[in-house]
Amino acid sequence: MPPVKELHYFDQFSRVQRSSSPRYRDERDLRFLESIRSLSAKPYIDLEHYARLFDAKGSLLSGDISPNYSTLSNKVIRQIVRYFPALKVIFLVRDPVERVWSHLTMEVRYHQIEPFDVTDIEEVNRNLLRRGMLLRSYPSAIAARWKRYVHPDRFRIYFFDDLQKNPTELRHSILDFLGADPNQRGNRVTAHCNSWGRMEKLPLTDEVRSHLAQFFKKELKTCAARLGGAARNWPARYGFSLLLLFWDLLDDSIDLFFWCDWIS
């Protein structure tokens, strides 16, 4: 992996403000950091030179983890997939209610937004209804957008629920999908690997949780039907019945179509 955990090249040309210095293991990582600084100076996406960032790794599998790639437009996704036809894409999906609250917690902690009254529904909505927040809050639409261009065999959805439940098994599945050897050393993964997971979240009242659940009600049901896996349990988590699920989805299909077009 790159010496920078989240590269953010395709959404911010790697110009993000970072709270800590990049880590590096050897000369290859130093070369990577020098190259990305040069690449970031360009005002456009340069796929050829982006690919060269990973040359020093030789035949090793290389990747780029950046959550904001879930907000990329159809145009950028199409460019990436055409240039890297063997690209494999992993989308780690989280319950929209839990994800948005974790996101707000992160933004407050890192002073990206002003602290707000977390018990005030209007204040919560003010932060929730930002375009950047909404773009990342509808995993069914994100998955549909990427699936338009990535071959089904090269696109895989995993769930945060499974990461919490059995990180070792999830890591094994991901490495197997990538064509790596999941039985190599270091296959044991615990929740303590994630330092962010130990940080205190913003307090979430029952009233605000219920409000967020209602806000994402359609999306929770859409994810259950279209993403499957752990998402099938999300609606029931908030007391929503699945009996009318498919009728609701039929009724909402046009809304989802326009939503996908709006964010493209």
Protein backbone atom coordinates (compact mmCIF):
# COMPACT_ATOMS: atom_id res chain seq x y z
CA MET A 1 0.00 0.00 0.00
CA PRO A 2 1.14 3.61 -0.49
CA PRO A 3 2.95 5.32 2.41
CA VAL A 4 -0.11 7.59 2.61
CA LYS A 5 -3.15 5.70 3.91
CA GLU A 6 -5.77 7.69 1.97
CA LEU A 7 -4.26 9.02 -1.23
CA HIS A 8 -7.30 11.05 -2.39
CA TYR A 9 -5.78 11.51 -5.84
CA PHE A 10 -8.93 11.16 -7.92
CA ASP A 11 -11.03 13.43 -5.73
CA GLN A 12 -8.49 15.99 -4.46
CA PHE A 13 -5.25 15.37 -6.40
CA SER A 14 -3.68 14.31 -3.04
CA ARG A 15 -3.88 17.89 -1.77
CA VAL A 16 -5.63 17.06 1.49
CA GLN A 17 -4.42 18.51 4.78
CA ARG A 18 -3.01 15.69 6.87
CA SER A 19 -2.76 15.58 10.65
CA SER A 20 0.33 13.34 10.63
CA SER A 21 3.38 12.75 8.48
CA PRO A 22 3.35 9.91 5.93
CA ARG A 23 5.01 6.72 7.07
CA TYR A 24 7.57 4.96 4.93
CA ARG A 25 9.38 1.65 5.15
CA ASP A 26 12.06 1.89 2.50
CA GLU A 27 13.42 3.76 -0.51
CA ARG A 28 10.44 2.77 -2.63
CA ASP A 29 8.09 4.67 -0.34
CA LEU A 30 10.31 7.75 -0.43
CA ARG A 31 10.22 7.66 -4.23
CA PHE A 32 6.44 7.35 -4.07
CA LEU A 33 6.14 10.45 -1.88
CA GLU A 34 8.40 12.46 -4.17
CA SER A 35 6.41 11.39 -7.22
CA ILE A 36 3.00 12.15 -5.70
CA ARG A 37 4.13 15.67 -4.79
CA SER A 38 5.04 16.26 -8.42
CA LEU A 39 1.83 14.67 -9.68
CA SER A 40 -0.32 16.72 -7.29
CA ALA A 41 0.95 19.94 -8.84
CA LYS A 42 -0.93 19.16 -12.06
CA PRO A 43 -4.46 20.61 -12.36
CA TYR A 44 -5.84 17.52 -14.10
CA ILE A 45 -5.99 13.75 -13.63
CA ASP A 46 -2.90 12.15 -15.16
CA LEU A 47 -3.57 8.42 -15.22
CA GLU A 48 -0.27 7.52 -16.84
CA HIS A 49 1.83 9.15 -14.13
CA TYR A 50 -0.54 7.96 -11.41
CA ALA A 51 0.12 4.38 -12.58
CA ARG A 52 3.87 5.00 -12.42
CA LEU A 53 3.58 5.75 -8.70
CA PHE A 54 3.36 2.00 -8.13
CA ASP A 55 6.15 0.92 -10.49
CA ALA A 56 8.65 0.53 -7.67
CA LYS A 57 6.51 -2.23 -6.16
CA GLY A 58 7.21 -4.41 -9.18
CA SER A 59 4.95 -7.45 -9.39
CA LEU A 60 3.44 -6.92 -5.94
CA LEU A 61 -0.25 -6.13 -5.72
CA SER A 62 -0.80 -2.42 -5.15
CA GLY A 63 -3.84 -0.47 -4.05
CA ASP A 64 -5.24 2.93 -3.16
CA ILE A 65 -7.73 3.33 -0.30
CA SER A 66 -9.73 6.55 -0.31
CA PRO A 67 -13.33 6.67 1.00
CA ASN A 68 -14.06 9.78 -1.08
CA TYR A 69 -13.76 7.70 -4.24
CA SER A 70 -17.37 6.79 -3.47
CA THR A 71 -18.25 10.34 -4.61
CA LEU A 72 -16.54 10.15 -8.01
CA SER A 73 -18.62 11.04 -11.06
CA ASN A 74 -19.49 8.67 -13.89
CA LYS A 75 -16.97 10.48 -16.08
CA VAL A 76 -14.04 9.94 -13.72
CA ILE A 77 -15.01 6.33 -12.97
CA ARG A 78 -15.22 5.62 -16.69
CA GLN A 79 -11.74 7.15 -17.22
CA ILE A 80 -10.21 5.06 -14.45
CA VAL A 81 -11.75 1.76 -15.52
CA ARG A 82 -10.84 2.26 -19.19
CA TYR A 83 -7.21 2.97 -18.29
CA PHE A 84 -7.00 0.10 -15.77
CA PRO A 85 -9.08 -2.71 -17.30
CA ALA A 86 -7.75 -5.22 -14.74
CA LEU A 87 -8.70 -2.97 -11.83
CA LYS A 88 -10.45 -4.60 -8.89
CA VAL A 89 -12.73 -2.45 -6.76
CA ILE A 90 -13.71 -3.08 -3.15
CA PHE A 91 -16.57 -1.14 -1.58
CA LEU A 92 -16.82 -1.41 2.21
CA VAL A 93 -20.42 -0.52 3.06
CA ARG A 94 -21.77 0.64 6.40
CA ASP A 95 -25.29 1.11 7.75
CA PRO A 96 -26.14 4.68 6.55
CA VAL A 97 -27.31 5.79 10.01
CA GLU A 98 -24.15 4.59 11.75
CA ARG A 99 -21.93 5.86 8.95
CA VAL A 100 -23.28 9.39 8.91
CA TRP A 101 -22.95 9.74 12.69
CA SER A 102 -19.40 8.45 12.63
CA HIS A 103 -18.65 10.89 9.78
CA LEU A 104 -20.04 13.84 11.76
CA THR A 105 -17.99 12.76 14.77
CA MET A 106 -14.84 12.74 12.66
CA GLU A 107 -15.55 16.16 11.17
CA VAL A 108 -16.09 17.72 14.60
CA ARG A 109 -13.01 16.04 16.06
CA TYR A 110 -10.76 17.26 13.24
CA HIS A 111 -12.33 20.74 13.19
CA GLN A 112 -13.72 20.30 9.70
CA ILE A 113 -17.08 21.60 10.93
CA GLU A 114 -18.07 23.64 13.96
CA PRO A 115 -19.31 21.74 17.02
CA PHE A 116 -23.10 21.67 17.10
CA ASP A 117 -25.95 20.73 19.42
CA VAL A 118 -26.26 17.01 18.75
CA THR A 119 -29.67 16.90 20.43
CA ASP A 120 -31.17 19.54 18.11
CA ILE A 121 -32.82 17.96 15.03
CA GLU A 122 -32.48 21.17 13.02
CA GLU A 123 -28.77 21.37 13.78
CA VAL A 124 -28.33 17.72 12.82
CA ASN A 125 -30.18 18.32 9.55
CA ARG A 126 -28.06 21.37 8.79
CA ASN A 127 -24.95 19.19 8.82
CA LEU A 128 -26.62 16.17 7.26
CA LEU A 129 -28.06 17.94 4.22
CA ARG A 130 -24.74 19.09 2.79
CA ARG A 131 -24.10 17.82 -0.74
CA GLY A 132 -20.77 16.24 0.19
CA MET A 133 -22.35 14.36 3.07
CA LEU A 134 -25.28 13.13 0.99
CA LEU A 135 -23.02 11.90 -1.81
CA ARG A 136 -21.44 9.41 0.59
CA SER A 137 -24.62 8.43 2.42
CA TYR A 138 -26.43 6.32 -0.21
CA PRO A 139 -24.41 3.12 -0.74
CA SER A 140 -26.97 1.58 -3.10
CA ALA A 141 -26.49 4.48 -5.53
CA ILE A 142 -22.70 4.41 -5.13
CA ALA A 143 -22.58 0.70 -5.90
CA ALA A 144 -24.86 1.15 -8.92
CA ARG A 145 -22.64 3.91 -10.31
CA TRP A 146 -19.44 1.85 -10.09
CA LYS A 147 -21.16 -1.29 -11.40
CA ARG A 148 -21.97 0.54 -14.63
CA TYR A 149 -18.29 0.36 -15.58
CA VAL A 150 -16.59 -2.35 -13.49
CA HIS A 151 -17.09 -5.97 -14.53
CA PRO A 152 -19.05 -7.91 -11.86
CA ASP A 153 -16.12 -10.26 -11.33
CA ARG A 154 -13.93 -7.29 -10.41
CA PHE A 155 -16.31 -5.46 -8.09
CA ARG A 156 -16.90 -6.73 -4.57
CA ILE A 157 -19.03 -5.37 -1.73
CA TYR A 158 -18.10 -6.06 1.89
CA PHE A 159 -19.82 -4.86 5.04
CA PHE A 160 -18.60 -2.99 8.08
CA ASP A 161 -20.78 -5.35 10.12
CA ASP A 162 -18.58 -8.25 9.02
CA LEU A 163 -15.45 -6.26 9.86
CA GLN A 164 -16.76 -5.83 13.41
CA LYS A 165 -17.91 -9.43 13.70
CA ASN A 166 -14.91 -11.27 12.27
CA PRO A 167 -12.08 -9.09 10.88
CA THR A 168 -9.81 -12.08 10.25
CA GLU A 169 -12.40 -13.80 8.07
CA LEU A 170 -13.10 -10.58 6.18
CA ARG A 171 -9.40 -10.01 5.55
CA HIS A 172 -9.11 -13.58 4.28
CA SER A 173 -12.01 -13.01 1.85
CA ILE A 174 -10.59 -9.72 0.58
CA LEU A 175 -7.12 -11.15 -0.05
CA ASP A 176 -8.65 -14.12 -1.83
CA PHE A 177 -10.66 -11.76 -4.06
CA LEU A 178 -7.51 -9.78 -4.89
CA GLY A 179 -5.62 -12.92 -5.82
CA ALA A 180 -3.25 -12.72 -2.86
CA ASP A 181 -2.40 -15.48 -0.40
CA PRO A 182 -4.71 -15.08 2.62
CA ASN A 183 -2.73 -17.70 4.54
CA GLN A 184 0.49 -15.70 4.76
CA ARG A 185 1.70 -14.30 8.07
CA GLY A 186 -0.29 -11.52 9.67
CA ASN A 187 -3.71 -13.03 8.99
CA ARG A 188 -4.84 -12.35 12.56
CA VAL A 189 -6.63 -9.00 12.74
CA THR A 190 -8.32 -7.52 15.81
CA ALA A 191 -10.50 -4.49 16.40
CA HIS A 192 -7.52 -2.82 18.11
CA CYS A 193 -5.93 -2.32 14.69
CA ASN A 194 -8.31 0.61 14.18
CA SER A 195 -7.26 3.47 16.48
CA TRP A 196 -10.25 5.53 15.31
CA GLY A 197 -12.57 2.82 16.63
CA ARG A 198 -11.42 3.63 20.18
CA MET A 199 -12.24 7.32 19.89
CA GLU A 200 -15.35 8.59 21.61
CA LYS A 201 -18.28 9.26 19.27
CA LEU A 202 -20.69 12.15 19.52
CA PRO A 203 -23.53 11.19 21.87
CA LEU A 204 -26.50 9.89 19.88
CA THR A 205 -29.88 10.31 21.56
CA ASP A 206 -32.78 7.96 20.86
CA GLU A 207 -34.69 10.87 19.30
CA VAL A 208 -31.90 11.75 16.85
CA ARG A 209 -31.26 8.09 16.06
CA SER A 210 -34.95 7.65 15.24
CA HIS A 211 -34.85 10.80 13.08
CA LEU A 212 -31.84 9.53 11.13
CA ALA A 213 -33.49 6.14 10.70
CA GLN A 214 -36.58 7.79 9.21
CA PHE A 215 -34.40 9.96 6.98
CA PHE A 216 -32.62 6.87 5.60
CA LYS A 217 -35.63 4.53 5.72
CA LYS A 218 -35.89 4.08 1.94
CA GLU A 219 -32.14 3.67 1.59
CA LEU A 220 -32.00 1.07 4.36
CA LYS A 221 -34.64 -0.97 2.55
CA THR A 222 -32.99 -0.46 -0.84
CA CYS A 223 -29.66 -1.68 0.53
CA ALA A 224 -31.34 -4.74 2.05
CA ALA A 225 -32.79 -5.72 -1.32
CA ARG A 226 -29.99 -4.72 -3.68
CA LEU A 227 -26.81 -5.23 -1.67
CA GLY A 228 -27.89 -8.23 0.38
CA GLY A 229 -25.49 -9.62 2.96
CA ALA A 230 -25.44 -7.83 6.28
CA ALA A 231 -27.60 -5.05 4.81
CA ARG A 232 -30.60 -7.36 5.01
CA ASN A 233 -30.59 -6.80 8.77
CA TRP A 234 -30.47 -3.00 8.69
CA PRO A 235 -34.20 -2.15 8.37
CA ALA A 236 -35.16 -4.39 11.29
CA ARG A 237 -32.47 -2.69 13.38
CA TYR A 238 -34.70 0.39 13.37
CA GLY A 239 -38.02 -1.39 13.59
CA PHE A 240 -38.87 -1.26 9.86
CA SER A 241 -40.85 -4.14 8.40
CA LEU A 242 -39.65 -5.89 5.27
CA LEU A 243 -43.13 -7.11 4.31
CA LEU A 244 -43.69 -4.17 1.98
CA LEU A 245 -40.05 -3.90 0.98
CA PHE A 246 -40.32 -4.83 -2.67
CA TRP A 247 -43.48 -2.77 -3.17
CA ASP A 248 -41.67 0.23 -1.70
CA LEU A 249 -38.70 -0.38 -4.01
CA LEU A 250 -40.94 -0.53 -7.05
CA ASP A 251 -42.56 2.72 -6.03
CA ASP A 252 -39.15 4.33 -5.40
CA SER A 253 -37.37 3.11 -8.55
CA ILE A 254 -37.91 6.35 -10.45
CA ASP A 255 -36.68 8.39 -7.48
CA LEU A 256 -33.51 6.30 -7.37
CA PHE A 257 -33.00 6.77 -11.12
CA PHE A 258 -33.14 10.55 -10.79
CA TRP A 259 -30.91 10.42 -7.70
CA CYS A 260 -28.25 8.47 -9.61
CA ASP A 261 -28.43 10.99 -12.45
CA TRP A 262 -28.15 13.92 -10.04
CA ILE A 263 -24.94 12.65 -8.46
CA SER A 264 -23.34 11.54 -11.73
